[in-house]
PDB file of N, CA and C in Angstrom:
ATOM      1  N   MET A   1     -20.237  -1.972  -1.293  1.00  0.00           N
ATOM      2  CA  MET A   1     -18.825  -1.622  -1.348  1.00  0.00           C
ATOM      3  C   MET A   1     -18.081  -2.741  -2.085  1.00  0.00           C
ATOM      4  N   THR A   2     -17.301  -2.355  -3.052  1.00  0.00           N
ATOM      5  CA  THR A   2     -16.498  -3.310  -3.798  1.00  0.00           C
ATOM      6  C   THR A   2     -15.035  -3.134  -3.419  1.00  0.00           C
ATOM      7  N   LEU A   3     -14.428  -4.190  -2.927  1.00  0.00           N
ATOM      8  CA  LEU A   3     -13.003  -4.133  -2.601  1.00  0.00           C
ATOM      9  C   LEU A   3     -12.200  -4.334  -3.873  1.00  0.00           C
ATOM     10  N   ARG A   4     -11.233  -3.471  -4.076  1.00  0.00           N
ATOM     11  CA  ARG A   4     -10.387  -3.577  -5.258  1.00  0.00           C
ATOM     12  C   ARG A   4      -8.905  -3.620  -4.916  1.00  0.00           C
ATOM     13  N   TYR A   5      -8.542  -3.120  -3.725  1.00  0.00           N
ATOM     14  CA  TYR A   5      -7.133  -2.959  -3.383  1.00  0.00           C
ATOM     15  C   TYR A   5      -6.822  -3.518  -1.999  1.00  0.00           C
ATOM     16  N   VAL A   6      -5.599  -4.022  -1.847  1.00  0.00           N
ATOM     17  CA  VAL A   6      -5.079  -4.406  -0.536  1.00  0.00           C
ATOM     18  C   VAL A   6      -3.925  -3.462  -0.243  1.00  0.00           C
ATOM     19  N   LEU A   7      -4.043  -2.698   0.813  1.00  0.00           N
ATOM     20  CA  LEU A   7      -2.983  -1.778   1.219  1.00  0.00           C
ATOM     21  C   LEU A   7      -2.028  -2.511   2.150  1.00  0.00           C
ATOM     22  N   HIS A   8      -0.744  -2.435   1.846  1.00  0.00           N
ATOM     23  CA  HIS A   8       0.284  -3.064   2.671  1.00  0.00           C
ATOM     24  C   HIS A   8       1.159  -1.961   3.273  1.00  0.00           C
ATOM     25  N   PRO A   9       0.729  -1.397   4.415  1.00  0.00           N
ATOM     26  CA  PRO A   9       1.529  -0.352   5.053  1.00  0.00           C
ATOM     27  C   PRO A   9       2.867  -0.916   5.510  1.00  0.00           C
ATOM     28  N   GLY A  10       3.843  -0.045   5.618  1.00  0.00           N
ATOM     29  CA  GLY A  10       5.133  -0.516   6.101  1.00  0.00           C
ATOM     30  C   GLY A  10       6.219   0.539   6.021  1.00  0.00           C
ATOM     31  N   TRP A  11       7.402   0.110   6.397  1.00  0.00           N
ATOM     32  CA  TRP A  11       8.578   0.977   6.411  1.00  0.00           C
ATOM     33  C   TRP A  11       9.250   0.955   5.046  1.00  0.00           C
ATOM     34  N   ILE A  12       9.756   2.110   4.641  1.00  0.00           N
ATOM     35  CA  ILE A  12      10.459   2.217   3.363  1.00  0.00           C
ATOM     36  C   ILE A  12      11.541   3.282   3.486  1.00  0.00           C
ATOM     37  N   ARG A  13      12.691   3.020   2.888  1.00  0.00           N
ATOM     38  CA  ARG A  13      13.764   4.019   2.841  1.00  0.00           C
ATOM     39  C   ARG A  13      13.538   4.866   1.601  1.00  0.00           C
ATOM     40  N   SER A  14      13.480   6.147   1.793  1.00  0.00           N
ATOM     41  CA  SER A  14      13.228   7.068   0.700  1.00  0.00           C
ATOM     42  C   SER A  14      14.454   7.221  -0.203  1.00  0.00           C
ATOM     43  N   LYS A  15      14.237   7.102  -1.486  1.00  0.00           N
ATOM     44  CA  LYS A  15      15.313   7.328  -2.461  1.00  0.00           C
ATOM     45  C   LYS A  15      15.744   8.793  -2.431  1.00  0.00           C
ATOM     46  N   THR A  16      14.796   9.671  -2.138  1.00  0.00           N
ATOM     47  CA  THR A  16      15.062  11.108  -2.174  1.00  0.00           C
ATOM     48  C   THR A  16      15.946  11.586  -1.036  1.00  0.00           C
ATOM     49  N   ASP A  17      15.586  11.214   0.212  1.00  0.00           N
ATOM     50  CA  ASP A  17      16.341  11.737   1.353  1.00  0.00           C
ATOM     51  C   ASP A  17      17.085  10.664   2.146  1.00  0.00           C
ATOM     52  N   GLY A  18      16.916   9.393   1.775  1.00  0.00           N
ATOM     53  CA  GLY A  18      17.626   8.315   2.449  1.00  0.00           C
ATOM     54  C   GLY A  18      17.092   7.972   3.827  1.00  0.00           C
ATOM     55  N   GLN A  19      16.062   8.670   4.282  1.00  0.00           N
ATOM     56  CA  GLN A  19      15.497   8.409   5.592  1.00  0.00           C
ATOM     57  C   GLN A  19      14.459   7.297   5.504  1.00  0.00           C
ATOM     58  N   VAL A  20      14.228   6.654   6.645  1.00  0.00           N
ATOM     59  CA  VAL A  20      13.240   5.583   6.714  1.00  0.00           C
ATOM     60  C   VAL A  20      11.927   6.187   7.206  1.00  0.00           C
ATOM     61  N   HIS A  21      10.856   5.877   6.490  1.00  0.00           N
ATOM     62  CA  HIS A  21       9.529   6.411   6.810  1.00  0.00           C
ATOM     63  C   HIS A  21       8.532   5.263   6.904  1.00  0.00           C
ATOM     64  N   PHE A  22       7.562   5.408   7.816  1.00  0.00           N
ATOM     65  CA  PHE A  22       6.459   4.454   7.851  1.00  0.00           C
ATOM     66  C   PHE A  22       5.314   5.052   7.057  1.00  0.00           C
ATOM     67  N   ILE A  23       4.812   4.297   6.093  1.00  0.00           N
ATOM     68  CA  ILE A  23       3.678   4.730   5.290  1.00  0.00           C
ATOM     69  C   ILE A  23       2.474   3.910   5.738  1.00  0.00           C
ATOM     70  N   GLY A  24       1.525   4.570   6.376  1.00  0.00           N
ATOM     71  CA  GLY A  24       0.313   3.898   6.861  1.00  0.00           C
ATOM     72  C   GLY A  24      -0.702   3.703   5.747  1.00  0.00           C
ATOM     73  N   SER A  25      -1.783   3.041   6.074  1.00  0.00           N
ATOM     74  CA  SER A  25      -2.812   2.714   5.088  1.00  0.00           C
ATOM     75  C   SER A  25      -3.447   3.939   4.450  1.00  0.00           C
ATOM     76  N   VAL A  26      -3.814   4.907   5.257  1.00  0.00           N
ATOM     77  CA  VAL A  26      -4.470   6.105   4.720  1.00  0.00           C
ATOM     78  C   VAL A  26      -3.515   6.861   3.800  1.00  0.00           C
ATOM     79  N   ALA A  27      -2.277   7.024   4.232  1.00  0.00           N
ATOM     80  CA  ALA A  27      -1.282   7.715   3.399  1.00  0.00           C
ATOM     81  C   ALA A  27      -1.024   6.939   2.111  1.00  0.00           C
ATOM     82  N   LEU A  28      -0.988   5.628   2.189  1.00  0.00           N
ATOM     83  CA  LEU A  28      -0.749   4.787   1.023  1.00  0.00           C
ATOM     84  C   LEU A  28      -1.881   4.942   0.002  1.00  0.00           C
ATOM     85  N   ALA A  29      -3.122   4.926   0.474  1.00  0.00           N
ATOM     86  CA  ALA A  29      -4.265   5.132  -0.422  1.00  0.00           C
ATOM     87  C   ALA A  29      -4.186   6.503  -1.086  1.00  0.00           C
ATOM     88  N   ARG A  30      -3.803   7.521  -0.314  1.00  0.00           N
ATOM     89  CA  ARG A  30      -3.659   8.870  -0.878  1.00  0.00           C
ATOM     90  C   ARG A  30      -2.557   8.914  -1.929  1.00  0.00           C
ATOM     91  N   CYS A  31      -1.426   8.288  -1.628  1.00  0.00           N
ATOM     92  CA  CYS A  31      -0.304   8.286  -2.586  1.00  0.00           C
ATOM     93  C   CYS A  31      -0.725   7.683  -3.920  1.00  0.00           C
ATOM     94  N   TYR A  32      -1.467   6.592  -3.863  1.00  0.00           N
ATOM     95  CA  TYR A  32      -1.909   5.918  -5.083  1.00  0.00           C
ATOM     96  C   TYR A  32      -3.155   6.559  -5.691  1.00  0.00           C
ATOM     97  N   GLY A  33      -3.822   7.431  -4.934  1.00  0.00           N
ATOM     98  CA  GLY A  33      -5.020   8.094  -5.433  1.00  0.00           C
ATOM     99  C   GLY A  33      -6.220   7.168  -5.542  1.00  0.00           C
ATOM    100  N   VAL A  34      -6.307   6.201  -4.638  1.00  0.00           N
ATOM    101  CA  VAL A  34      -7.435   5.264  -4.669  1.00  0.00           C
ATOM    102  C   VAL A  34      -8.374   5.566  -3.505  1.00  0.00           C
ATOM    103  N   PRO A  35      -9.679   5.339  -3.707  1.00  0.00           N
ATOM    104  CA  PRO A  35     -10.638   5.589  -2.626  1.00  0.00           C
ATOM    105  C   PRO A  35     -10.453   4.585  -1.481  1.00  0.00           C
ATOM    106  N   LEU A  36     -10.395   5.091  -0.283  1.00  0.00           N
ATOM    107  CA  LEU A  36     -10.194   4.242   0.895  1.00  0.00           C
ATOM    108  C   LEU A  36     -11.331   3.230   1.050  1.00  0.00           C
ATOM    109  N   ARG A  37     -12.524   3.573   0.621  1.00  0.00           N
ATOM    110  CA  ARG A  37     -13.669   2.659   0.748  1.00  0.00           C
ATOM    111  C   ARG A  37     -13.525   1.430  -0.141  1.00  0.00           C
ATOM    112  N   GLU A  38     -12.597   1.461  -1.112  1.00  0.00           N
ATOM    113  CA  GLU A  38     -12.361   0.312  -1.994  1.00  0.00           C
ATOM    114  C   GLU A  38     -11.146  -0.505  -1.553  1.00  0.00           C
ATOM    115  N   CYS A  39     -10.655  -0.225  -0.344  1.00  0.00           N
ATOM    116  CA  CYS A  39      -9.426  -0.850   0.139  1.00  0.00           C
ATOM    117  C   CYS A  39      -9.670  -1.670   1.397  1.00  0.00           C
ATOM    118  N   VAL A  40      -8.829  -2.679   1.544  1.00  0.00           N
ATOM    119  CA  VAL A  40      -8.719  -3.406   2.790  1.00  0.00           C
ATOM    120  C   VAL A  40      -7.255  -3.270   3.191  1.00  0.00           C
ATOM    121  N   SER A  41      -7.016  -3.136   4.467  1.00  0.00           N
ATOM    122  CA  SER A  41      -5.648  -2.921   4.930  1.00  0.00           C
ATOM    123  C   SER A  41      -5.072  -4.183   5.550  1.00  0.00           C
ATOM    124  N   ALA A  42      -3.896  -4.550   5.074  1.00  0.00           N
ATOM    125  CA  ALA A  42      -3.157  -5.667   5.664  1.00  0.00           C
ATOM    126  C   ALA A  42      -2.414  -5.149   6.889  1.00  0.00           C
ATOM    127  N   ARG A  43      -2.053  -6.067   7.756  1.00  0.00           N
ATOM    128  CA  ARG A  43      -1.198  -5.688   8.874  1.00  0.00           C
ATOM    129  C   ARG A  43       0.229  -5.594   8.369  1.00  0.00           C
ATOM    130  N   PRO A  44       1.034  -4.697   8.936  1.00  0.00           N
ATOM    131  CA  PRO A  44       2.436  -4.633   8.514  1.00  0.00           C
ATOM    132  C   PRO A  44       3.085  -6.009   8.608  1.00  0.00           C
ATOM    133  N   GLY A  45       3.738  -6.413   7.554  1.00  0.00           N
ATOM    134  CA  GLY A  45       4.411  -7.701   7.513  1.00  0.00           C
ATOM    135  C   GLY A  45       3.571  -8.826   6.934  1.00  0.00           C
ATOM    136  N   ASP A  46       2.261  -8.594   6.699  1.00  0.00           N
ATOM    137  CA  ASP A  46       1.421  -9.631   6.074  1.00  0.00           C
ATOM    138  C   ASP A  46       1.931  -9.921   4.671  1.00  0.00           C
ATOM    139  N   SER A  47       1.854 -11.165   4.294  1.00  0.00           N
ATOM    140  CA  SER A  47       2.340 -11.605   2.991  1.00  0.00           C
ATOM    141  C   SER A  47       1.450 -11.115   1.866  1.00  0.00           C
ATOM    142  N   LEU A  48       2.086 -10.812   0.740  1.00  0.00           N
ATOM    143  CA  LEU A  48       1.330 -10.476  -0.470  1.00  0.00           C
ATOM    144  C   LEU A  48       0.599 -11.701  -0.994  1.00  0.00           C
ATOM    145  N   LYS A  49       1.135 -12.877  -0.670  1.00  0.00           N
ATOM    146  CA  LYS A  49       0.563 -14.119  -1.176  1.00  0.00           C
ATOM    147  C   LYS A  49      -0.505 -14.689  -0.255  1.00  0.00           C
ATOM    148  N   GLY A  50      -0.733 -14.012   0.856  1.00  0.00           N
ATOM    149  CA  GLY A  50      -1.665 -14.519   1.865  1.00  0.00           C
ATOM    150  C   GLY A  50      -3.022 -14.910   1.312  1.00  0.00           C
ATOM    151  N   PRO A  51      -3.938 -15.176   2.167  1.00  0.00           N
ATOM    152  CA  PRO A  51      -5.261 -15.634   1.740  1.00  0.00           C
ATOM    153  C   PRO A  51      -6.152 -14.482   1.259  1.00  0.00           C
ATOM    154  N   TRP A  52      -5.693 -13.771   0.253  1.00  0.00           N
ATOM    155  CA  TRP A  52      -6.455 -12.654  -0.294  1.00  0.00           C
ATOM    156  C   TRP A  52      -7.344 -13.142  -1.433  1.00  0.00           C
ATOM    157  N   PRO A  53      -8.540 -12.572  -1.572  1.00  0.00           N
ATOM    158  CA  PRO A  53      -9.379 -12.925  -2.722  1.00  0.00           C
ATOM    159  C   PRO A  53      -8.648 -12.581  -4.027  1.00  0.00           C
ATOM    160  N   GLU A  54      -8.849 -13.381  -5.024  1.00  0.00           N
ATOM    161  CA  GLU A  54      -8.200 -13.139  -6.312  1.00  0.00           C
ATOM    162  C   GLU A  54      -8.726 -11.854  -6.938  1.00  0.00           C
ATOM    163  N   GLY A  55      -7.870 -11.220  -7.728  1.00  0.00           N
ATOM    164  CA  GLY A  55      -8.260 -10.039  -8.473  1.00  0.00           C
ATOM    165  C   GLY A  55      -8.012  -8.721  -7.769  1.00  0.00           C
ATOM    166  N   LEU A  56      -7.601  -8.758  -6.504  1.00  0.00           N
ATOM    167  CA  LEU A  56      -7.314  -7.516  -5.799  1.00  0.00           C
ATOM    168  C   LEU A  56      -5.919  -7.031  -6.174  1.00  0.00           C
ATOM    169  N   VAL A  57      -5.761  -5.714  -6.250  1.00  0.00           N
ATOM    170  CA  VAL A  57      -4.471  -5.115  -6.554  1.00  0.00           C
ATOM    171  C   VAL A  57      -3.778  -4.800  -5.229  1.00  0.00           C
ATOM    172  N   HIS A  58      -2.552  -5.263  -5.081  1.00  0.00           N
ATOM    173  CA  HIS A  58      -1.779  -5.046  -3.860  1.00  0.00           C
ATOM    174  C   HIS A  58      -0.933  -3.789  -4.007  1.00  0.00           C
ATOM    175  N   LEU A  59      -1.043  -2.896  -3.034  1.00  0.00           N
ATOM    176  CA  LEU A  59      -0.336  -1.623  -3.072  1.00  0.00           C
ATOM    177  C   LEU A  59       0.619  -1.529  -1.884  1.00  0.00           C
ATOM    178  N   GLU A  60       1.869  -1.214  -2.184  1.00  0.00           N
ATOM    179  CA  GLU A  60       2.917  -1.132  -1.162  1.00  0.00           C
ATOM    180  C   GLU A  60       3.643   0.202  -1.261  1.00  0.00           C
ATOM    181  N   PRO A  61       4.338   0.612  -0.169  1.00  0.00           N
ATOM    182  CA  PRO A  61       5.192   1.788  -0.264  1.00  0.00           C
ATOM    183  C   PRO A  61       6.269   1.571  -1.329  1.00  0.00           C
ATOM    184  N   GLN A  62       6.594   2.623  -2.044  1.00  0.00           N
ATOM    185  CA  GLN A  62       7.553   2.537  -3.146  1.00  0.00           C
ATOM    186  C   GLN A  62       8.816   3.337  -2.845  1.00  0.00           C
ATOM    187  N   TYR A  63       9.944   2.695  -2.970  1.00  0.00           N
ATOM    188  CA  TYR A  63      11.254   3.307  -2.733  1.00  0.00           C
ATOM    189  C   TYR A  63      11.458   4.553  -3.579  1.00  0.00           C
ATOM    190  N   ASP A  64      11.055   4.486  -4.845  1.00  0.00           N
ATOM    191  CA  ASP A  64      11.321   5.595  -5.769  1.00  0.00           C
ATOM    192  C   ASP A  64      10.219   6.648  -5.778  1.00  0.00           C
ATOM    193  N   GLY A  65       9.161   6.453  -4.977  1.00  0.00           N
ATOM    194  CA  GLY A  65       8.088   7.433  -4.915  1.00  0.00           C
ATOM    195  C   GLY A  65       7.133   7.363  -6.086  1.00  0.00           C
ATOM    196  N   ASN A  66       7.249   6.356  -6.926  1.00  0.00           N
ATOM    197  CA  ASN A  66       6.351   6.216  -8.080  1.00  0.00           C
ATOM    198  C   ASN A  66       5.095   5.460  -7.632  1.00  0.00           C
ATOM    199  N   TYR A  67       4.005   6.183  -7.483  1.00  0.00           N
ATOM    200  CA  TYR A  67       2.763   5.593  -7.018  1.00  0.00           C
ATOM    201  C   TYR A  67       1.697   5.563  -8.104  1.00  0.00           C
ATOM    202  N   THR A  68       2.112   5.327  -9.331  1.00  0.00           N
ATOM    203  CA  THR A  68       1.132   5.163 -10.395  1.00  0.00           C
ATOM    204  C   THR A  68       0.655   3.720 -10.391  1.00  0.00           C
ATOM    205  N   LEU A  69      -0.605   3.527 -10.732  1.00  0.00           N
ATOM    206  CA  LEU A  69      -1.164   2.185 -10.785  1.00  0.00           C
ATOM    207  C   LEU A  69      -0.769   1.490 -12.070  1.00  0.00           C
TER     208      LEU A  69
END
């Protein structure tokens, strides 16, 4: 298994409806279209700068709903 992504689940206010939603790790991977087996999940609130191996792509909930890589 090769890790390529760090999922950062968390709360986000939707640009579309103005409501606050929690986006979990599985939903986040689906939004970005990345395989869950290539992901490691951070705890909500973990820093993007934390002790992550170099070269991993960090994925977060997006206010505007744009989940392109």
